[in-house]
């Protein structure tokens, strides 16, 4: 281990801990995926009341389409 210029108050990384928590990681991933799908559904519901003449990158149809495309690639959502 390298010499440190200040004392480390945290324990060094232990791979055994990571392996024992592998199941918790899967649950967390599923919760995140579920929340993302929930938020996308809310966004799609909001599109029903969106201004049809707003094409701005941040708040209009262009931005919403770009976000949907990004999310579908990143999270493999259909």
N, C-alpha and C. Protein backbone atom coordinates (compact mmCIF):
# COMPACT_ATOMS: atom_id res chain seq x y z
N UNK A 1 0.84 -1.17 0.00
CA UNK A 1 0.00 0.00 0.00
C UNK A 1 0.89 1.24 0.00
N UNK A 2 0.43 2.26 -0.73
CA UNK A 2 1.20 3.49 -0.83
C UNK A 2 1.08 4.31 0.46
N UNK A 3 2.04 5.16 0.65
CA UNK A 3 2.04 6.03 1.82
C UNK A 3 1.06 7.17 1.58
N UNK A 4 0.29 7.54 2.59
CA UNK A 4 -0.71 8.59 2.43
C UNK A 4 -0.30 9.83 3.21
N UNK A 5 -0.72 10.96 2.70
CA UNK A 5 -0.37 12.21 3.37
C UNK A 5 -1.36 12.57 4.48
N UNK A 6 -2.44 11.83 4.57
CA UNK A 6 -3.41 12.03 5.65
C UNK A 6 -4.02 10.68 6.00
N UNK A 7 -4.47 10.50 7.22
CA UNK A 7 -5.04 9.20 7.61
C UNK A 7 -6.39 8.96 6.92
N UNK A 8 -6.58 7.75 6.44
CA UNK A 8 -7.82 7.36 5.79
C UNK A 8 -8.76 6.80 6.84
N UNK A 9 -9.91 7.43 7.01
CA UNK A 9 -10.86 6.97 8.03
C UNK A 9 -11.74 5.83 7.56
N UNK A 10 -11.65 5.49 6.26
CA UNK A 10 -12.49 4.44 5.70
C UNK A 10 -11.68 3.17 5.47
N UNK A 11 -12.30 2.00 5.65
CA UNK A 11 -11.56 0.75 5.41
C UNK A 11 -11.25 0.55 3.93
N UNK A 12 -10.20 -0.20 3.65
CA UNK A 12 -9.87 -0.52 2.27
C UNK A 12 -10.95 -1.41 1.67
N UNK A 13 -11.05 -1.39 0.36
CA UNK A 13 -12.07 -2.15 -0.35
C UNK A 13 -11.87 -3.65 -0.12
N UNK A 14 -12.96 -4.36 0.12
CA UNK A 14 -12.92 -5.79 0.36
C UNK A 14 -13.81 -6.47 -0.67
N UNK A 15 -13.23 -7.27 -1.54
CA UNK A 15 -13.98 -7.91 -2.61
C UNK A 15 -15.02 -8.88 -2.06
N UNK A 16 -14.77 -9.50 -0.94
CA UNK A 16 -15.73 -10.41 -0.33
C UNK A 16 -17.05 -9.72 -0.04
N UNK A 17 -16.98 -8.47 0.37
CA UNK A 17 -18.19 -7.70 0.65
C UNK A 17 -18.98 -7.48 -0.63
N UNK A 18 -18.30 -7.16 -1.73
CA UNK A 18 -18.98 -6.92 -3.00
C UNK A 18 -19.67 -8.18 -3.50
N UNK A 19 -19.02 -9.31 -3.35
CA UNK A 19 -19.62 -10.57 -3.81
C UNK A 19 -20.83 -10.92 -2.96
N UNK A 20 -20.78 -10.67 -1.66
CA UNK A 20 -21.90 -11.01 -0.80
C UNK A 20 -23.10 -10.09 -1.03
N UNK A 21 -22.87 -8.91 -1.60
CA UNK A 21 -23.96 -7.97 -1.87
C UNK A 21 -24.43 -8.00 -3.32
N UNK A 22 -24.04 -9.00 -4.07
CA UNK A 22 -24.40 -9.05 -5.49
C UNK A 22 -25.91 -9.11 -5.67
N UNK A 23 -26.61 -9.81 -4.83
CA UNK A 23 -28.07 -9.89 -4.93
C UNK A 23 -28.73 -8.54 -4.69
N UNK A 24 -28.18 -7.77 -3.78
CA UNK A 24 -28.73 -6.44 -3.50
C UNK A 24 -28.57 -5.53 -4.71
N UNK A 25 -27.48 -5.67 -5.42
CA UNK A 25 -27.26 -4.86 -6.62
C UNK A 25 -28.33 -5.15 -7.67
N UNK A 26 -28.68 -6.41 -7.85
CA UNK A 26 -29.69 -6.78 -8.83
C UNK A 26 -31.04 -6.16 -8.48
N UNK A 27 -31.39 -6.22 -7.20
CA UNK A 27 -32.65 -5.61 -6.76
C UNK A 27 -32.65 -4.12 -7.04
N UNK A 28 -31.53 -3.49 -6.78
CA UNK A 28 -31.40 -2.05 -7.00
C UNK A 28 -31.54 -1.73 -8.49
N UNK A 29 -30.89 -2.51 -9.34
CA UNK A 29 -30.99 -2.29 -10.79
C UNK A 29 -32.43 -2.42 -11.26
N UNK A 30 -33.14 -3.41 -10.76
CA UNK A 30 -34.53 -3.61 -11.15
C UNK A 30 -35.39 -2.43 -10.70
N UNK A 31 -35.12 -1.89 -9.50
CA UNK A 31 -35.88 -0.74 -9.01
C UNK A 31 -35.63 0.48 -9.88
N UNK A 32 -34.38 0.69 -10.28
CA UNK A 32 -34.04 1.82 -11.13
C UNK A 32 -34.73 1.67 -12.49
N UNK A 33 -34.65 0.48 -13.08
CA UNK A 33 -35.30 0.24 -14.38
C UNK A 33 -36.81 0.49 -14.27
N UNK A 34 -37.40 0.02 -13.19
CA UNK A 34 -38.84 0.18 -12.99
C UNK A 34 -39.20 1.66 -12.87
N UNK A 35 -38.40 2.41 -12.12
CA UNK A 35 -38.67 3.84 -11.94
C UNK A 35 -38.52 4.59 -13.26
N UNK A 36 -37.53 4.23 -14.06
CA UNK A 36 -37.34 4.87 -15.36
C UNK A 36 -38.54 4.62 -16.26
N UNK A 37 -39.03 3.38 -16.29
CA UNK A 37 -40.21 3.07 -17.10
C UNK A 37 -41.42 3.86 -16.61
N UNK A 38 -41.55 3.99 -15.29
CA UNK A 38 -42.63 4.77 -14.70
C UNK A 38 -42.58 6.23 -15.17
N UNK A 39 -41.39 6.82 -15.10
CA UNK A 39 -41.23 8.21 -15.49
C UNK A 39 -41.47 8.41 -16.99
N UNK A 40 -41.05 7.45 -17.80
CA UNK A 40 -41.31 7.55 -19.24
C UNK A 40 -42.80 7.48 -19.54
N UNK A 41 -43.52 6.65 -18.80
CA UNK A 41 -44.98 6.58 -18.99
C UNK A 41 -45.63 7.90 -18.60
N UNK A 42 -45.15 8.51 -17.51
CA UNK A 42 -45.68 9.82 -17.11
C UNK A 42 -45.41 10.86 -18.20
N UNK A 43 -44.21 10.81 -18.77
CA UNK A 43 -43.86 11.74 -19.83
C UNK A 43 -44.78 11.55 -21.04
N UNK A 44 -45.03 10.30 -21.40
CA UNK A 44 -45.89 10.03 -22.54
C UNK A 44 -47.32 10.50 -22.28
N UNK A 45 -47.78 10.39 -21.04
CA UNK A 45 -49.11 10.91 -20.70
C UNK A 45 -49.13 12.43 -20.82
N UNK A 46 -48.03 13.07 -20.42
CA UNK A 46 -47.94 14.52 -20.51
C UNK A 46 -47.92 15.02 -21.94
N UNK A 47 -47.48 14.18 -22.86
CA UNK A 47 -47.44 14.57 -24.27
C UNK A 47 -48.83 14.85 -24.83
N UNK A 48 -49.83 14.26 -24.22
CA UNK A 48 -51.20 14.46 -24.70
C UNK A 48 -51.64 15.91 -24.54
N UNK A 49 -51.03 16.62 -23.58
CA UNK A 49 -51.39 18.02 -23.36
C UNK A 49 -50.29 18.98 -23.80
N UNK A 50 -49.25 18.48 -24.45
CA UNK A 50 -48.13 19.32 -24.87
C UNK A 50 -48.52 20.23 -26.03
N UNK A 51 -47.84 21.36 -26.12
CA UNK A 51 -48.09 22.32 -27.19
C UNK A 51 -47.58 21.74 -28.51
N UNK A 52 -48.46 21.56 -29.50
CA UNK A 52 -48.04 20.95 -30.76
C UNK A 52 -47.13 21.84 -31.61
N UNK A 53 -46.98 23.12 -31.22
CA UNK A 53 -46.15 24.04 -32.00
C UNK A 53 -44.82 24.36 -31.31
N UNK A 54 -44.51 23.64 -30.23
CA UNK A 54 -43.26 23.87 -29.50
C UNK A 54 -42.24 22.83 -29.97
N UNK A 55 -41.23 23.27 -30.69
CA UNK A 55 -40.21 22.36 -31.21
C UNK A 55 -38.83 22.64 -30.61
N UNK A 56 -38.79 23.32 -29.47
CA UNK A 56 -37.50 23.66 -28.87
C UNK A 56 -36.77 22.40 -28.40
N UNK A 57 -35.47 22.52 -28.27
CA UNK A 57 -34.65 21.36 -27.92
C UNK A 57 -34.86 20.93 -26.47
N UNK A 58 -35.20 21.85 -25.60
CA UNK A 58 -35.30 21.51 -24.18
C UNK A 58 -36.70 21.18 -23.71
N UNK A 59 -37.70 21.92 -24.19
CA UNK A 59 -39.05 21.71 -23.67
C UNK A 59 -40.04 21.22 -24.71
N UNK A 60 -39.66 21.24 -25.97
CA UNK A 60 -40.60 20.88 -27.03
C UNK A 60 -40.48 19.44 -27.47
N UNK A 61 -41.14 19.18 -28.58
CA UNK A 61 -41.18 17.83 -29.14
C UNK A 61 -39.80 17.31 -29.49
N UNK A 62 -38.93 18.19 -29.98
CA UNK A 62 -37.58 17.77 -30.36
C UNK A 62 -36.84 17.24 -29.15
N UNK A 63 -36.90 17.96 -28.03
CA UNK A 63 -36.22 17.52 -26.82
C UNK A 63 -36.81 16.24 -26.26
N UNK A 64 -38.13 16.13 -26.30
CA UNK A 64 -38.77 14.91 -25.79
C UNK A 64 -38.41 13.69 -26.65
N UNK A 65 -38.39 13.88 -27.96
CA UNK A 65 -38.02 12.77 -28.84
C UNK A 65 -36.57 12.37 -28.63
N UNK A 66 -35.71 13.36 -28.45
CA UNK A 66 -34.29 13.07 -28.21
C UNK A 66 -34.11 12.30 -26.91
N UNK A 67 -34.84 12.70 -25.85
CA UNK A 67 -34.73 12.02 -24.57
C UNK A 67 -35.25 10.58 -24.68
N UNK A 68 -36.35 10.39 -25.37
CA UNK A 68 -36.92 9.05 -25.55
C UNK A 68 -35.94 8.16 -26.31
N UNK A 69 -35.32 8.71 -27.35
CA UNK A 69 -34.34 7.95 -28.13
C UNK A 69 -33.15 7.57 -27.25
N UNK A 70 -32.64 8.52 -26.48
CA UNK A 70 -31.49 8.28 -25.60
C UNK A 70 -31.83 7.20 -24.57
N UNK A 71 -33.00 7.32 -23.94
CA UNK A 71 -33.40 6.34 -22.93
C UNK A 71 -33.58 4.95 -23.52
N UNK A 72 -34.15 4.88 -24.72
CA UNK A 72 -34.37 3.57 -25.32
C UNK A 72 -33.04 2.89 -25.67
N UNK A 73 -32.05 3.68 -26.08
CA UNK A 73 -30.74 3.08 -26.37
C UNK A 73 -30.02 2.69 -25.09
N UNK A 74 -30.09 3.56 -24.10
CA UNK A 74 -29.36 3.34 -22.86
C UNK A 74 -29.94 2.19 -22.05
N UNK A 75 -31.25 2.11 -21.98
CA UNK A 75 -31.90 1.13 -21.12
C UNK A 75 -32.61 0.02 -21.89
N UNK A 76 -32.47 0.01 -23.19
CA UNK A 76 -33.09 -1.02 -24.04
C UNK A 76 -34.57 -1.14 -23.77
N UNK A 77 -35.24 0.01 -23.71
CA UNK A 77 -36.68 0.02 -23.48
C UNK A 77 -37.40 -0.04 -24.82
N UNK A 78 -38.54 -0.65 -24.81
CA UNK A 78 -39.32 -0.71 -26.06
C UNK A 78 -40.47 0.26 -25.99
